[in-house]
C-alpha atoms as a PDB file:
ATOM      1  CA  MET A   1     155.414  70.675 209.054  1.00  0.00           C
ATOM      2  CA  SER A   2     154.784  72.843 205.981  1.00  0.00           C
ATOM      3  CA  LYS A   3     156.663  72.242 202.769  1.00  0.00           C
ATOM      4  CA  PRO A   4     159.298  74.836 201.784  1.00  0.00           C
ATOM      5  CA  THR A   5     157.974  77.142 199.086  1.00  0.00           C
ATOM      6  CA  VAL A   6     159.922  77.287 195.816  1.00  0.00           C
ATOM      7  CA  LEU A   7     159.440  80.040 193.254  1.00  0.00           C
ATOM      8  CA  VAL A   8     159.837  78.549 189.764  1.00  0.00           C
ATOM      9  CA  THR A   9     160.183  80.970 186.868  1.00  0.00           C
ATOM     10  CA  GLY A  10     159.400  79.853 183.335  1.00  0.00           C
ATOM     11  CA  SER A  11     156.840  77.432 184.759  1.00  0.00           C
ATOM     12  CA  ALA A  12     155.186  76.804 181.378  1.00  0.00           C
ATOM     13  CA  GLY A  13     158.435  75.748 179.707  1.00  0.00           C
ATOM     14  CA  HIS A  14     160.006  72.306 179.559  1.00  0.00           C
ATOM     15  CA  LEU A  15     162.039  72.492 182.762  1.00  0.00           C
ATOM     16  CA  GLY A  16     159.598  74.770 184.567  1.00  0.00           C
ATOM     17  CA  LYS A  17     156.749  72.370 183.916  1.00  0.00           C
ATOM     18  CA  ALA A  18     158.899  69.433 185.021  1.00  0.00           C
ATOM     19  CA  LEU A  19     159.746  71.216 188.271  1.00  0.00           C
ATOM     20  CA  MET A  20     156.135  72.146 188.959  1.00  0.00           C
ATOM     21  CA  LEU A  21     155.084  68.521 188.441  1.00  0.00           C
ATOM     22  CA  ALA A  22     157.929  66.915 190.393  1.00  0.00           C
ATOM     23  CA  LEU A  23     158.617  69.196 193.354  1.00  0.00           C
ATOM     24  CA  PRO A  24     155.446  68.412 195.360  1.00  0.00           C
ATOM     25  CA  GLU A  25     156.401  64.720 195.474  1.00  0.00           C
ATOM     26  CA  LEU A  26     159.903  65.729 196.604  1.00  0.00           C
ATOM     27  CA  GLY A  27     158.688  67.681 199.626  1.00  0.00           C
ATOM     28  CA  TYR A  28     158.411  71.196 198.178  1.00  0.00           C
ATOM     29  CA  SER A  29     155.547  73.566 197.417  1.00  0.00           C
ATOM     30  CA  PRO A  30     156.195  75.241 194.040  1.00  0.00           C
ATOM     31  CA  ILE A  31     154.792  78.589 192.895  1.00  0.00           C
ATOM     32  CA  GLY A  32     155.111  79.148 189.146  1.00  0.00           C
ATOM     33  CA  ILE A  33     155.421  82.360 187.155  1.00  0.00           C
ATOM     34  CA  ASP A  34     155.436  82.598 183.364  1.00  0.00           C
ATOM     35  CA  ILE A  35     154.228  84.927 180.623  1.00  0.00           C
ATOM     36  CA  THR A  36     152.226  81.973 179.302  1.00  0.00           C
ATOM     37  CA  PRO A  37     149.196  80.828 181.317  1.00  0.00           C
ATOM     38  CA  GLY A  38     148.617  77.149 181.884  1.00  0.00           C
ATOM     39  CA  PRO A  39     148.084  74.425 184.471  1.00  0.00           C
ATOM     40  CA  THR A  40     151.615  74.820 185.867  1.00  0.00           C
ATOM     41  CA  THR A  41     151.562  78.634 185.938  1.00  0.00           C
ATOM     42  CA  THR A  42     150.392  80.141 189.233  1.00  0.00           C
ATOM     43  CA  TYR A  43     151.017  83.762 188.218  1.00  0.00           C
ATOM     44  CA  THR A  44     150.952  85.011 184.632  1.00  0.00           C
ATOM     45  CA  GLY A  45     153.419  87.832 184.194  1.00  0.00           C
ATOM     46  CA  SER A  46     156.940  88.881 183.340  1.00  0.00           C
ATOM     47  CA  ILE A  47     160.022  88.452 185.508  1.00  0.00           C
ATOM     48  CA  THR A  48     160.879  92.055 184.603  1.00  0.00           C
ATOM     49  CA  ASP A  49     157.719  93.288 186.364  1.00  0.00           C
ATOM     50  CA  THR A  50     159.250  94.472 189.634  1.00  0.00           C
ATOM     51  CA  ALA A  51     155.895  95.284 191.240  1.00  0.00           C
ATOM     52  CA  LEU A  52     154.636  91.766 190.530  1.00  0.00           C
ATOM     53  CA  LEU A  53     157.827  90.251 191.897  1.00  0.00           C
ATOM     54  CA  THR A  54     157.670  92.322 195.081  1.00  0.00           C
ATOM     55  CA  SER A  55     154.065  91.283 195.631  1.00  0.00           C
ATOM     56  CA  LEU A  56     154.863  87.647 194.932  1.00  0.00           C
ATOM     57  CA  PHE A  57     157.853  87.543 197.289  1.00  0.00           C
ATOM     58  CA  THR A  58     155.936  89.391 199.994  1.00  0.00           C
ATOM     59  CA  THR A  59     152.922  87.107 199.761  1.00  0.00           C
ATOM     60  CA  HIS A  60     154.658  83.737 199.488  1.00  0.00           C
ATOM     61  CA  GLN A  61     158.083  84.361 201.060  1.00  0.00           C
ATOM     62  CA  PRO A  62     159.712  81.535 199.072  1.00  0.00           C
ATOM     63  CA  ALA A  63     162.563  79.660 200.689  1.00  0.00           C
ATOM     64  CA  HIS A  64     164.149  78.929 197.316  1.00  0.00           C
ATOM     65  CA  VAL A  65     164.132  80.353 193.802  1.00  0.00           C
ATOM     66  CA  ILE A  66     164.762  78.280 190.660  1.00  0.00           C
ATOM     67  CA  HIS A  67     165.128  80.674 187.760  1.00  0.00           C
ATOM     68  CA  ALA A  68     164.412  78.767 184.543  1.00  0.00           C
ATOM     69  CA  ALA A  69     162.669  81.530 182.556  1.00  0.00           C
ATOM     70  CA  THR A  70     164.688  82.582 179.522  1.00  0.00           C
ATOM     71  CA  LEU A  71     164.715  83.332 175.851  1.00  0.00           C
ATOM     72  CA  HIS A  72     166.351  80.301 174.248  1.00  0.00           C
ATOM     73  CA  LYS A  73     168.515  79.674 171.207  1.00  0.00           C
ATOM     74  CA  PRO A  74     165.414  78.963 169.038  1.00  0.00           C
ATOM     75  CA  HIS A  75     164.330  82.573 169.708  1.00  0.00           C
ATOM     76  CA  VAL A  76     167.466  84.090 168.163  1.00  0.00           C
ATOM     77  CA  ASP A  77     165.810  84.502 164.751  1.00  0.00           C
ATOM     78  CA  SER A  78     162.422  85.637 166.102  1.00  0.00           C
ATOM     79  CA  HIS A  79     163.392  88.082 168.891  1.00  0.00           C
ATOM     80  CA  THR A  80     165.622  91.137 169.019  1.00  0.00           C
ATOM     81  CA  LYS A  81     168.887  91.323 170.889  1.00  0.00           C
ATOM     82  CA  ASN A  82     167.238  93.776 173.253  1.00  0.00           C
ATOM     83  CA  ASP A  83     164.510  91.203 173.971  1.00  0.00           C
ATOM     84  CA  PHE A  84     167.252  88.805 175.058  1.00  0.00           C
ATOM     85  CA  ILE A  85     168.907  91.472 177.206  1.00  0.00           C
ATOM     86  CA  GLN A  86     165.647  92.397 178.936  1.00  0.00           C
ATOM     87  CA  THR A  87     164.584  88.829 179.658  1.00  0.00           C
ATOM     88  CA  ASN A  88     167.861  87.041 180.301  1.00  0.00           C
ATOM     89  CA  ILE A  89     169.857  89.787 182.021  1.00  0.00           C
ATOM     90  CA  ALA A  90     167.426  92.393 183.360  1.00  0.00           C
ATOM     91  CA  GLY A  91     164.917  89.710 184.363  1.00  0.00           C
ATOM     92  CA  THR A  92     167.582  87.783 186.280  1.00  0.00           C
ATOM     93  CA  LEU A  93     168.676  90.962 188.074  1.00  0.00           C
ATOM     94  CA  ALA A  94     165.069  91.840 188.956  1.00  0.00           C
ATOM     95  CA  LEU A  95     164.578  88.416 190.533  1.00  0.00           C
ATOM     96  CA  LEU A  96     167.818  88.597 192.482  1.00  0.00           C
ATOM     97  CA  GLU A  97     166.995  92.060 193.786  1.00  0.00           C
ATOM     98  CA  ALA A  98     163.474  91.026 194.769  1.00  0.00           C
ATOM     99  CA  ALA A  99     164.911  88.034 196.618  1.00  0.00           C
ATOM    100  CA  THR A 100     167.450  90.142 198.502  1.00  0.00           C
ATOM    101  CA  THR A 101     165.653  93.453 199.088  1.00  0.00           C
ATOM    102  CA  THR A 102     162.001  92.593 199.693  1.00  0.00           C
ATOM    103  CA  THR A 103     161.688  93.183 203.442  1.00  0.00           C
ATOM    104  CA  THR A 104     159.835  89.993 204.284  1.00  0.00           C
ATOM    105  CA  CYS A 105     162.147  87.881 202.120  1.00  0.00           C
ATOM    106  CA  THR A 106     165.639  88.976 203.045  1.00  0.00           C
ATOM    107  CA  SER A 107     165.758  86.444 205.862  1.00  0.00           C
ATOM    108  CA  THR A 108     163.716  83.693 204.195  1.00  0.00           C
ATOM    109  CA  VAL A 109     165.259  83.106 200.741  1.00  0.00           C
ATOM    110  CA  LYS A 110     167.867  80.435 201.372  1.00  0.00           C
ATOM    111  CA  SER A 111     169.041  79.708 197.829  1.00  0.00           C
ATOM    112  CA  PHE A 112     168.846  80.943 194.245  1.00  0.00           C
ATOM    113  CA  THR A 113     169.412  78.420 191.437  1.00  0.00           C
ATOM    114  CA  PHE A 114     170.049  79.919 188.026  1.00  0.00           C
ATOM    115  CA  ILE A 115     169.467  77.666 185.017  1.00  0.00           C
ATOM    116  CA  SER A 116     172.139  78.483 182.481  1.00  0.00           C
ATOM    117  CA  THR A 117     173.296  76.516 179.468  1.00  0.00           C
ATOM    118  CA  THR A 118     176.297  74.765 177.969  1.00  0.00           C
ATOM    119  CA  SER A 119     175.712  77.061 174.976  1.00  0.00           C
ATOM    120  CA  THR A 120     177.720  79.652 176.918  1.00  0.00           C
ATOM    121  CA  PHE A 121     180.845  77.741 175.865  1.00  0.00           C
ATOM    122  CA  GLY A 122     180.049  78.598 172.248  1.00  0.00           C
ATOM    123  CA  SER A 123     183.022  78.334 169.923  1.00  0.00           C
ATOM    124  CA  ALA A 124     184.934  76.170 172.400  1.00  0.00           C
ATOM    125  CA  LEU A 125     182.502  73.342 171.616  1.00  0.00           C
ATOM    126  CA  SER A 126     183.355  72.807 167.974  1.00  0.00           C
ATOM    127  CA  PRO A 127     186.978  72.004 167.151  1.00  0.00           C
ATOM    128  CA  ALA A 128     187.542  71.529 163.440  1.00  0.00           C
ATOM    129  CA  PRO A 129     187.564  68.029 161.960  1.00  0.00           C
ATOM    130  CA  GLY A 130     190.997  66.518 162.467  1.00  0.00           C
ATOM    131  CA  GLN A 131     191.230  67.965 165.971  1.00  0.00           C
ATOM    132  CA  PRO A 132     190.541  65.928 169.147  1.00  0.00           C
ATOM    133  CA  ALA A 133     187.074  66.241 170.660  1.00  0.00           C
ATOM    134  CA  ALA A 134     186.885  69.098 173.180  1.00  0.00           C
ATOM    135  CA  TRP A 135     186.643  68.050 176.829  1.00  0.00           C
ATOM    136  CA  ILE A 136     184.298  70.596 178.395  1.00  0.00           C
ATOM    137  CA  ASP A 137     184.382  71.125 182.140  1.00  0.00           C
ATOM    138  CA  GLU A 138     184.007  74.215 184.332  1.00  0.00           C
ATOM    139  CA  SER A 139     187.590  75.312 183.640  1.00  0.00           C
ATOM    140  CA  VAL A 140     186.786  76.036 179.971  1.00  0.00           C
ATOM    141  CA  VAL A 141     186.369  79.759 179.305  1.00  0.00           C
ATOM    142  CA  PRO A 142     183.021  80.606 177.657  1.00  0.00           C
ATOM    143  CA  GLN A 143     183.189  81.849 174.063  1.00  0.00           C
ATOM    144  CA  PRO A 144     179.519  82.636 173.302  1.00  0.00           C
ATOM    145  CA  LYS A 145     178.730  82.956 169.623  1.00  0.00           C
ATOM    146  CA  ASN A 146     175.171  84.327 169.644  1.00  0.00           C
ATOM    147  CA  ILE A 147     173.016  86.663 171.741  1.00  0.00           C
ATOM    148  CA  TYR A 148     171.609  83.714 173.678  1.00  0.00           C
ATOM    149  CA  GLY A 149     175.044  82.652 174.891  1.00  0.00           C
ATOM    150  CA  VAL A 150     176.136  86.245 175.497  1.00  0.00           C
ATOM    151  CA  THR A 151     173.140  87.072 177.700  1.00  0.00           C
ATOM    152  CA  LYS A 152     173.266  83.822 179.657  1.00  0.00           C
ATOM    153  CA  THR A 153     176.976  84.393 180.350  1.00  0.00           C
ATOM    154  CA  ALA A 154     176.246  87.956 181.454  1.00  0.00           C
ATOM    155  CA  ALA A 155     173.414  86.750 183.677  1.00  0.00           C
ATOM    156  CA  GLU A 156     175.829  84.335 185.354  1.00  0.00           C
ATOM    157  CA  ASP A 157     178.060  87.330 186.136  1.00  0.00           C
ATOM    158  CA  VAL A 158     175.083  89.214 187.570  1.00  0.00           C
ATOM    159  CA  CYS A 159     174.384  86.212 189.801  1.00  0.00           C
ATOM    160  CA  ARG A 160     177.946  86.227 191.087  1.00  0.00           C
ATOM    161  CA  LEU A 161     177.857  89.980 191.725  1.00  0.00           C
ATOM    162  CA  VAL A 162     174.667  89.798 193.784  1.00  0.00           C
ATOM    163  CA  HIS A 163     176.005  86.794 195.697  1.00  0.00           C
ATOM    164  CA  LYS A 164     179.191  88.673 196.591  1.00  0.00           C
ATOM    165  CA  GLN A 165     177.263  91.779 197.630  1.00  0.00           C
ATOM    166  CA  THR A 166     174.510  90.106 199.642  1.00  0.00           C
ATOM    167  CA  GLY A 167     175.757  86.646 200.607  1.00  0.00           C
ATOM    168  CA  LEU A 168     172.724  84.971 199.005  1.00  0.00           C
ATOM    169  CA  PRO A 169     173.706  81.401 198.058  1.00  0.00           C
ATOM    170  CA  VAL A 170     173.581  81.268 194.247  1.00  0.00           C
ATOM    171  CA  ILE A 171     174.254  78.143 192.208  1.00  0.00           C
ATOM    172  CA  VAL A 172     174.483  78.193 188.419  1.00  0.00           C
ATOM    173  CA  LEU A 173     173.559  75.018 186.547  1.00  0.00           C
ATOM    174  CA  ARG A 174     174.806  74.928 182.963  1.00  0.00           C
ATOM    175  CA  THR A 175     172.486  72.312 181.508  1.00  0.00           C
ATOM    176  CA  SER A 176     173.044  70.478 178.262  1.00  0.00           C
ATOM    177  CA  ARG A 177     170.172  69.797 175.877  1.00  0.00           C
ATOM    178  CA  PHE A 178     167.047  68.150 177.277  1.00  0.00           C
ATOM    179  CA  PHE A 179     164.386  69.351 174.826  1.00  0.00           C
ATOM    180  CA  PRO A 180     162.363  66.549 173.206  1.00  0.00           C
ATOM    181  CA  GLU A 181     161.946  68.223 169.806  1.00  0.00           C
ATOM    182  CA  GLU A 182     163.931  67.139 166.796  1.00  0.00           C
ATOM    183  CA  ASP A 183     167.400  68.599 166.326  1.00  0.00           C
ATOM    184  CA  ASP A 184     167.455  72.122 164.878  1.00  0.00           C
ATOM    185  CA  ASP A 185     170.302  71.195 162.533  1.00  0.00           C
ATOM    186  CA  ALA A 186     168.896  69.844 159.258  1.00  0.00           C
ATOM    187  CA  GLU A 187     172.040  67.842 158.521  1.00  0.00           C
ATOM    188  CA  ARG A 188     171.887  66.085 161.895  1.00  0.00           C
ATOM    189  CA  ARG A 189     168.160  65.438 161.487  1.00  0.00           C
ATOM    190  CA  GLY A 190     168.799  63.897 158.102  1.00  0.00           C
ATOM    191  CA  ALA A 191     171.684  61.737 159.278  1.00  0.00           C
ATOM    192  CA  MET A 192     169.708  59.408 161.526  1.00  0.00           C
ATOM    193  CA  ASP A 193     166.457  58.783 163.364  1.00  0.00           C
ATOM    194  CA  GLY A 194     165.726  61.347 166.098  1.00  0.00           C
ATOM    195  CA  GLU A 195     165.488  58.758 168.881  1.00  0.00           C
ATOM    196  CA  ASN A 196     168.734  57.163 167.696  1.00  0.00           C
ATOM    197  CA  LEU A 197     170.480  60.547 167.894  1.00  0.00           C
ATOM    198  CA  LYS A 198     169.086  61.459 171.315  1.00  0.00           C
ATOM    199  CA  VAL A 199     170.233  58.202 172.884  1.00  0.00           C
ATOM    200  CA  LEU A 200     173.720  58.774 171.481  1.00  0.00           C
ATOM    201  CA  GLU A 201     173.727  62.351 172.792  1.00  0.00           C
ATOM    202  CA  LEU A 202     173.354  61.040 176.350  1.00  0.00           C
ATOM    203  CA  ALA A 203     177.002  59.986 176.001  1.00  0.00           C
ATOM    204  CA  TYR A 204     178.297  63.514 175.466  1.00  0.00           C
ATOM    205  CA  ARG A 205     175.752  66.390 175.239  1.00  0.00           C
ATOM    206  CA  ARG A 206     172.284  65.496 176.593  1.00  0.00           C
ATOM    207  CA  VAL A 207     170.596  65.026 179.969  1.00  0.00           C
ATOM    208  CA  ASP A 208     167.187  63.674 180.941  1.00  0.00           C
ATOM    209  CA  ILE A 209     164.889  66.314 182.380  1.00  0.00           C
ATOM    210  CA  ALA A 210     164.303  64.218 185.512  1.00  0.00           C
ATOM    211  CA  ASP A 211     168.030  64.399 186.214  1.00  0.00           C
ATOM    212  CA  VAL A 212     167.948  68.186 185.733  1.00  0.00           C
ATOM    213  CA  VAL A 213     165.179  68.390 188.338  1.00  0.00           C
ATOM    214  CA  ALA A 214     167.327  66.257 190.644  1.00  0.00           C
ATOM    215  CA  ALA A 215     170.256  68.646 190.129  1.00  0.00           C
ATOM    216  CA  CYS A 216     168.019  71.593 191.031  1.00  0.00           C
ATOM    217  CA  VAL A 217     166.984  69.865 194.253  1.00  0.00           C
ATOM    218  CA  CYS A 218     170.629  69.153 195.100  1.00  0.00           C
ATOM    219  CA  ALA A 219     171.459  72.816 194.474  1.00  0.00           C
ATOM    220  CA  MET A 220     168.603  73.961 196.735  1.00  0.00           C
ATOM    221  CA  GLU A 221     169.630  71.624 199.505  1.00  0.00           C
ATOM    222  CA  LYS A 222     173.323  72.513 199.349  1.00  0.00           C
ATOM    223  CA  GLY A 223     172.575  76.216 199.086  1.00  0.00           C
ATOM    224  CA  GLY A 224     169.932  76.153 201.786  1.00  0.00           C
ATOM    225  CA  LYS A 225     172.341  74.526 204.240  1.00  0.00           C
ATOM    226  CA  GLY A 226     175.148  76.902 203.293  1.00  0.00           C
ATOM    227  CA  GLU A 227     177.302  73.977 202.140  1.00  0.00           C
ATOM    228  CA  VAL A 228     177.665  75.525 198.672  1.00  0.00           C
ATOM    229  CA  VAL A 229     177.118  79.274 198.499  1.00  0.00           C
ATOM    230  CA  TRP A 230     178.420  79.886 194.980  1.00  0.00           C
ATOM    231  CA  GLY A 231     179.374  77.718 192.049  1.00  0.00           C
ATOM    232  CA  LYS A 232     178.892  76.924 188.373  1.00  0.00           C
ATOM    233  CA  TYR A 233     178.169  73.336 187.417  1.00  0.00           C
ATOM    234  CA  ILE A 234     177.743  71.478 184.141  1.00  0.00           C
ATOM    235  CA  VAL A 235     174.649  69.277 184.247  1.00  0.00           C
ATOM    236  CA  SER A 236     174.814  66.589 181.575  1.00  0.00           C
ATOM    237  CA  ALA A 237     174.520  62.813 181.622  1.00  0.00           C
ATOM    238  CA  PRO A 238     177.887  61.356 182.717  1.00  0.00           C
ATOM    239  CA  ALA A 239     180.123  60.594 179.757  1.00  0.00           C
ATOM    240  CA  PRO A 240     181.330  56.994 179.369  1.00  0.00           C
ATOM    241  CA  PHE A 241     184.538  58.276 177.784  1.00  0.00           C
ATOM    242  CA  GLY A 242     187.887  59.043 179.336  1.00  0.00           C
ATOM    243  CA  LYS A 243     189.654  62.394 179.057  1.00  0.00           C
ATOM    244  CA  ASP A 244     192.826  60.878 177.595  1.00  0.00           C
ATOM    245  CA  GLU A 245     194.234  62.055 174.270  1.00  0.00           C
ATOM    246  CA  VAL A 246     193.751  58.677 172.569  1.00  0.00           C
ATOM    247  CA  THR A 247     190.025  58.660 173.325  1.00  0.00           C
ATOM    248  CA  LEU A 248     189.472  62.275 172.319  1.00  0.00           C
ATOM    249  CA  ARG A 249     191.306  61.741 169.047  1.00  0.00           C
ATOM    250  CA  GLY A 250     189.337  58.556 168.492  1.00  0.00           C
ATOM    251  CA  LEU A 251     186.068  60.464 168.884  1.00  0.00           C
ATOM    252  CA  ASP A 252     187.189  62.736 166.054  1.00  0.00           C
ATOM    253  CA  GLU A 253     188.475  59.977 163.788  1.00  0.00           C
ATOM    254  CA  ASP A 254     186.026  57.108 164.368  1.00  0.00           C
ATOM    255  CA  ALA A 255     183.553  57.739 167.161  1.00  0.00           C
ATOM    256  CA  GLY A 256     181.708  54.495 166.455  1.00  0.00           C
ATOM    257  CA  MET A 257     184.738  52.416 167.393  1.00  0.00           C
ATOM    258  CA  VAL A 258     185.113  54.387 170.641  1.00  0.00           C
ATOM    259  CA  PHE A 259     181.457  53.786 171.531  1.00  0.00           C
ATOM    260  CA  LYS A 260     181.904  50.050 170.940  1.00  0.00           C
ATOM    261  CA  GLY A 261     184.967  50.015 173.153  1.00  0.00           C
ATOM    262  CA  VAL A 262     183.427  51.739 176.188  1.00  0.00           C
ATOM    263  CA  VAL A 263     179.884  50.338 176.183  1.00  0.00           C
ATOM    264  CA  PRO A 264     179.724  46.557 175.707  1.00  0.00           C
ATOM    265  CA  GLY A 265     176.798  45.420 173.606  1.00  0.00           C
ATOM    266  CA  VAL A 266     176.005  48.820 172.098  1.00  0.00           C
ATOM    267  CA  ALA A 267     176.722  47.630 168.542  1.00  0.00           C
ATOM    268  CA  GLU A 268     174.355  44.648 168.862  1.00  0.00           C
ATOM    269  CA  VAL A 269     171.572  46.733 170.434  1.00  0.00           C
ATOM    270  CA  PHE A 270     171.823  49.410 167.758  1.00  0.00           C
ATOM    271  CA  GLU A 271     172.008  46.879 164.922  1.00  0.00           C
ATOM    272  CA  LYS A 272     168.839  45.203 166.185  1.00  0.00           C
ATOM    273  CA  LYS A 273     167.061  48.579 166.212  1.00  0.00           C
ATOM    274  CA  GLY A 274     168.394  49.521 162.808  1.00  0.00           C
ATOM    275  CA  TRP A 275     170.253  52.413 164.411  1.00  0.00           C
ATOM    276  CA  ARG A 276     173.644  53.867 163.580  1.00  0.00           C
ATOM    277  CA  LEU A 277     176.611  55.025 165.645  1.00  0.00           C
ATOM    278  CA  LEU A 278     178.095  58.468 165.184  1.00  0.00           C
ATOM    279  CA  GLU A 279     181.086  58.891 162.925  1.00  0.00           C
ATOM    280  CA  ARG A 280     182.411  61.910 164.844  1.00  0.00           C
ATOM    281  CA  VAL A 281     181.861  63.544 168.234  1.00  0.00           C
ATOM    282  CA  ASP A 282     183.195  67.091 168.596  1.00  0.00           C
ATOM    283  CA  ARG A 283     182.766  67.669 172.356  1.00  0.00           C
ATOM    284  CA  VAL A 284     182.228  65.842 175.635  1.00  0.00           C
ATOM    285  CA  TYR A 285     180.594  67.492 178.650  1.00  0.00           C
ATOM    286  CA  ASP A 286     182.091  66.557 182.007  1.00  0.00           C
ATOM    287  CA  SER A 287     179.527  66.809 184.825  1.00  0.00           C
ATOM    288  CA  GLY A 288     181.799  65.277 187.444  1.00  0.00           C
ATOM    289  CA  ARG A 289     181.983  68.417 189.552  1.00  0.00           C
ATOM    290  CA  ALA A 290     178.206  68.454 190.068  1.00  0.00           C
ATOM    291  CA  VAL A 291     178.409  64.821 191.168  1.00  0.00           C
ATOM    292  CA  ARG A 292     181.246  65.515 193.599  1.00  0.00           C
ATOM    293  CA  GLU A 293     180.196  68.843 195.079  1.00  0.00           C
ATOM    294  CA  LEU A 294     176.398  68.876 194.834  1.00  0.00           C
ATOM    295  CA  GLY A 295     175.856  65.171 195.504  1.00  0.00           C
ATOM    296  CA  TRP A 296     173.986  64.859 192.191  1.00  0.00           C
ATOM    297  CA  ARG A 297     173.269  61.265 191.181  1.00  0.00           C
ATOM    298  CA  PRO A 298     172.009  61.158 187.576  1.00  0.00           C
ATOM    299  CA  GLU A 299     169.982  58.064 186.760  1.00  0.00           C
ATOM    300  CA  TYR A 300     169.459  58.343 183.002  1.00  0.00           C
ATOM    301  CA  THR A 301     172.901  57.580 181.622  1.00  0.00           C
ATOM    302  CA  PHE A 302     173.914  56.437 178.162  1.00  0.00           C
ATOM    303  CA  GLU A 303     174.822  52.983 179.422  1.00  0.00           C
ATOM    304  CA  LYS A 304     171.445  52.516 181.112  1.00  0.00           C
ATOM    305  CA  ALA A 305     169.646  53.823 178.025  1.00  0.00           C
ATOM    306  CA  VAL A 306     171.392  51.200 175.893  1.00  0.00           C
ATOM    307  CA  GLU A 307     170.386  48.483 178.359  1.00  0.00           C
ATOM    308  CA  ARG A 308     166.754  49.637 178.349  1.00  0.00           C
ATOM    309  CA  VAL A 309     166.623  49.864 174.558  1.00  0.00           C
ATOM    310  CA  GLY A 310     168.079  46.372 174.374  1.00  0.00           C
ATOM    311  CA  ARG A 311     165.270  45.075 176.592  1.00  0.00           C
ATOM    312  CA  GLY A 312     162.639  46.900 174.557  1.00  0.00           C
ATOM    313  CA  GLU A 313     161.896  49.303 177.412  1.00  0.00           C
ATOM    314  CA  GLU A 314     161.377  53.069 177.496  1.00  0.00           C
ATOM    315  CA  TRP A 315     164.778  54.753 177.911  1.00  0.00           C
ATOM    316  CA  ARG A 316     163.444  58.160 178.924  1.00  0.00           C
ATOM    317  CA  SER A 317     162.090  59.127 182.324  1.00  0.00           C
ATOM    318  CA  GLU A 318     158.387  59.168 183.070  1.00  0.00           C
ATOM    319  CA  LEU A 319     158.755  62.887 183.761  1.00  0.00           C
ATOM    320  CA  THR A 320     160.017  63.450 180.209  1.00  0.00           C
ATOM    321  CA  LEU A 321     156.876  61.766 178.917  1.00  0.00           C
ATOM    322  CA  LYS A 322     154.631  63.830 181.215  1.00  0.00           C
ATOM    323  CA  VAL A 323     156.172  67.123 180.087  1.00  0.00           C
ATOM    324  CA  GLY A 324     155.863  66.230 176.397  1.00  0.00           C
ATOM    325  CA  LYS A 325     156.685  68.458 173.431  1.00  0.00           C
ATOM    326  CA  LEU A 326     155.979  72.128 174.073  1.00  0.00           C
ATOM    327  CA  GLY A 327     157.791  73.976 171.304  1.00  0.00           C
ATOM    328  CA  TYR A 328     159.017  77.564 171.536  1.00  0.00           C
ATOM    329  CA  HIS A 329     157.007  79.611 169.027  1.00  0.00           C
ATOM    330  CA  ALA A 330     153.254  80.116 168.794  1.00  0.00           C
ATOM    331  CA  VAL A 331     153.425  80.850 165.069  1.00  0.00           C
ATOM    332  CA  SER A 332     156.475  79.623 163.199  1.00  0.00           C
ATOM    333  CA  THR A 333     157.863  76.875 161.066  1.00  0.00           C
ATOM    334  CA  GLY A 334     160.411  74.240 161.899  1.00  0.00           C
ATOM    335  CA  VAL A 335     161.018  71.850 164.740  1.00  0.00           C
ATOM    336  CA  TYR A 336     160.478  74.400 167.515  1.00  0.00           C
ATOM    337  CA  THR A 337     156.956  75.493 166.603  1.00  0.00           C
ATOM    338  CA  THR A 338     154.548  75.299 169.532  1.00  0.00           C
ATOM    339  CA  ARG A 339     152.153  72.427 169.112  1.00  0.00           C
ATOM    340  CA  GLU A 340     149.541  70.728 171.215  1.00  0.00           C
ATOM    341  CA  GLU A 341     151.126  69.024 174.211  1.00  0.00           C
ATOM    342  CA  THR A 342     151.518  65.317 173.642  1.00  0.00           C
ATOM    343  CA  ARG A 343     152.981  62.405 175.527  1.00  0.00           C
ATOM    344  CA  LEU A 344     156.130  61.306 173.770  1.00  0.00           C
ATOM    345  CA  GLY A 345     156.042  57.915 172.177  1.00  0.00           C
ATOM    346  CA  ASN A 346     152.265  57.825 171.776  1.00  0.00           C
END
């Protein structure tokens, strides 16, 4: 029996590369498209090239589409707003239309997974000091604060429109941060070691890339079976915190004490590593809906990371190490500059 074909856009990026590497072992046959050539890119070209898309859909007749190609937040200072509109909105529409109008594909495409971002929530993510940490679930109304968030939010609306008009199962995954580069905020970078910060972020705003791949597979399976035909889901490592007012105020006032209270042994593990706990946490992502409705079972949680660090083991997934650091700019300065691919931790 042949493996279902999956079209992966953005196949040279962090998530695209992870999908191209992982899907064959999970029973799928991925086809990758990206503007950047490379070992995980099957077709080099733009998702706004309608002729290329028509040819690709006609030739391969993919059963599923995972749309990860995008201009990201690090591109805000290097690309125009129109660049973002063309890639993030027009490109998403071109893919959806190719999936639903190409004659040979209208009966074969079973699901469309759109990779969005928690950045769509924008201003809702940063209550002022003295205010309780924001609990972010799917009921929170997006308040995008830059062109990245605006275009990703608009692309989500395009996805819903095409779903309603055609019946194509479309699932939106709003992923939290999974990039391996150092934080783009100089103050956060200066506050503590990068690995220290990333482990802490698993408690409230980070997800391992292997768990994102797992969420994509869950979305394909649910969409392909017609069990979920539309939905938006936050994809972030499960938070160890409760939603109660006392906890959320504690995260604002003394986050370190809250961490110690919910994860036994974290203080000892961090002290042994010479790491610090956060003084304040401003938001907590709640991915419970993805767990309940998609059957997603994230493996790389904050609690497990603490246990692995305590045993002197690698806390990240093997897939994270395989993908490595890719960067976002060919010529630039700062933490997002493209550099030679390397295995993390080497």
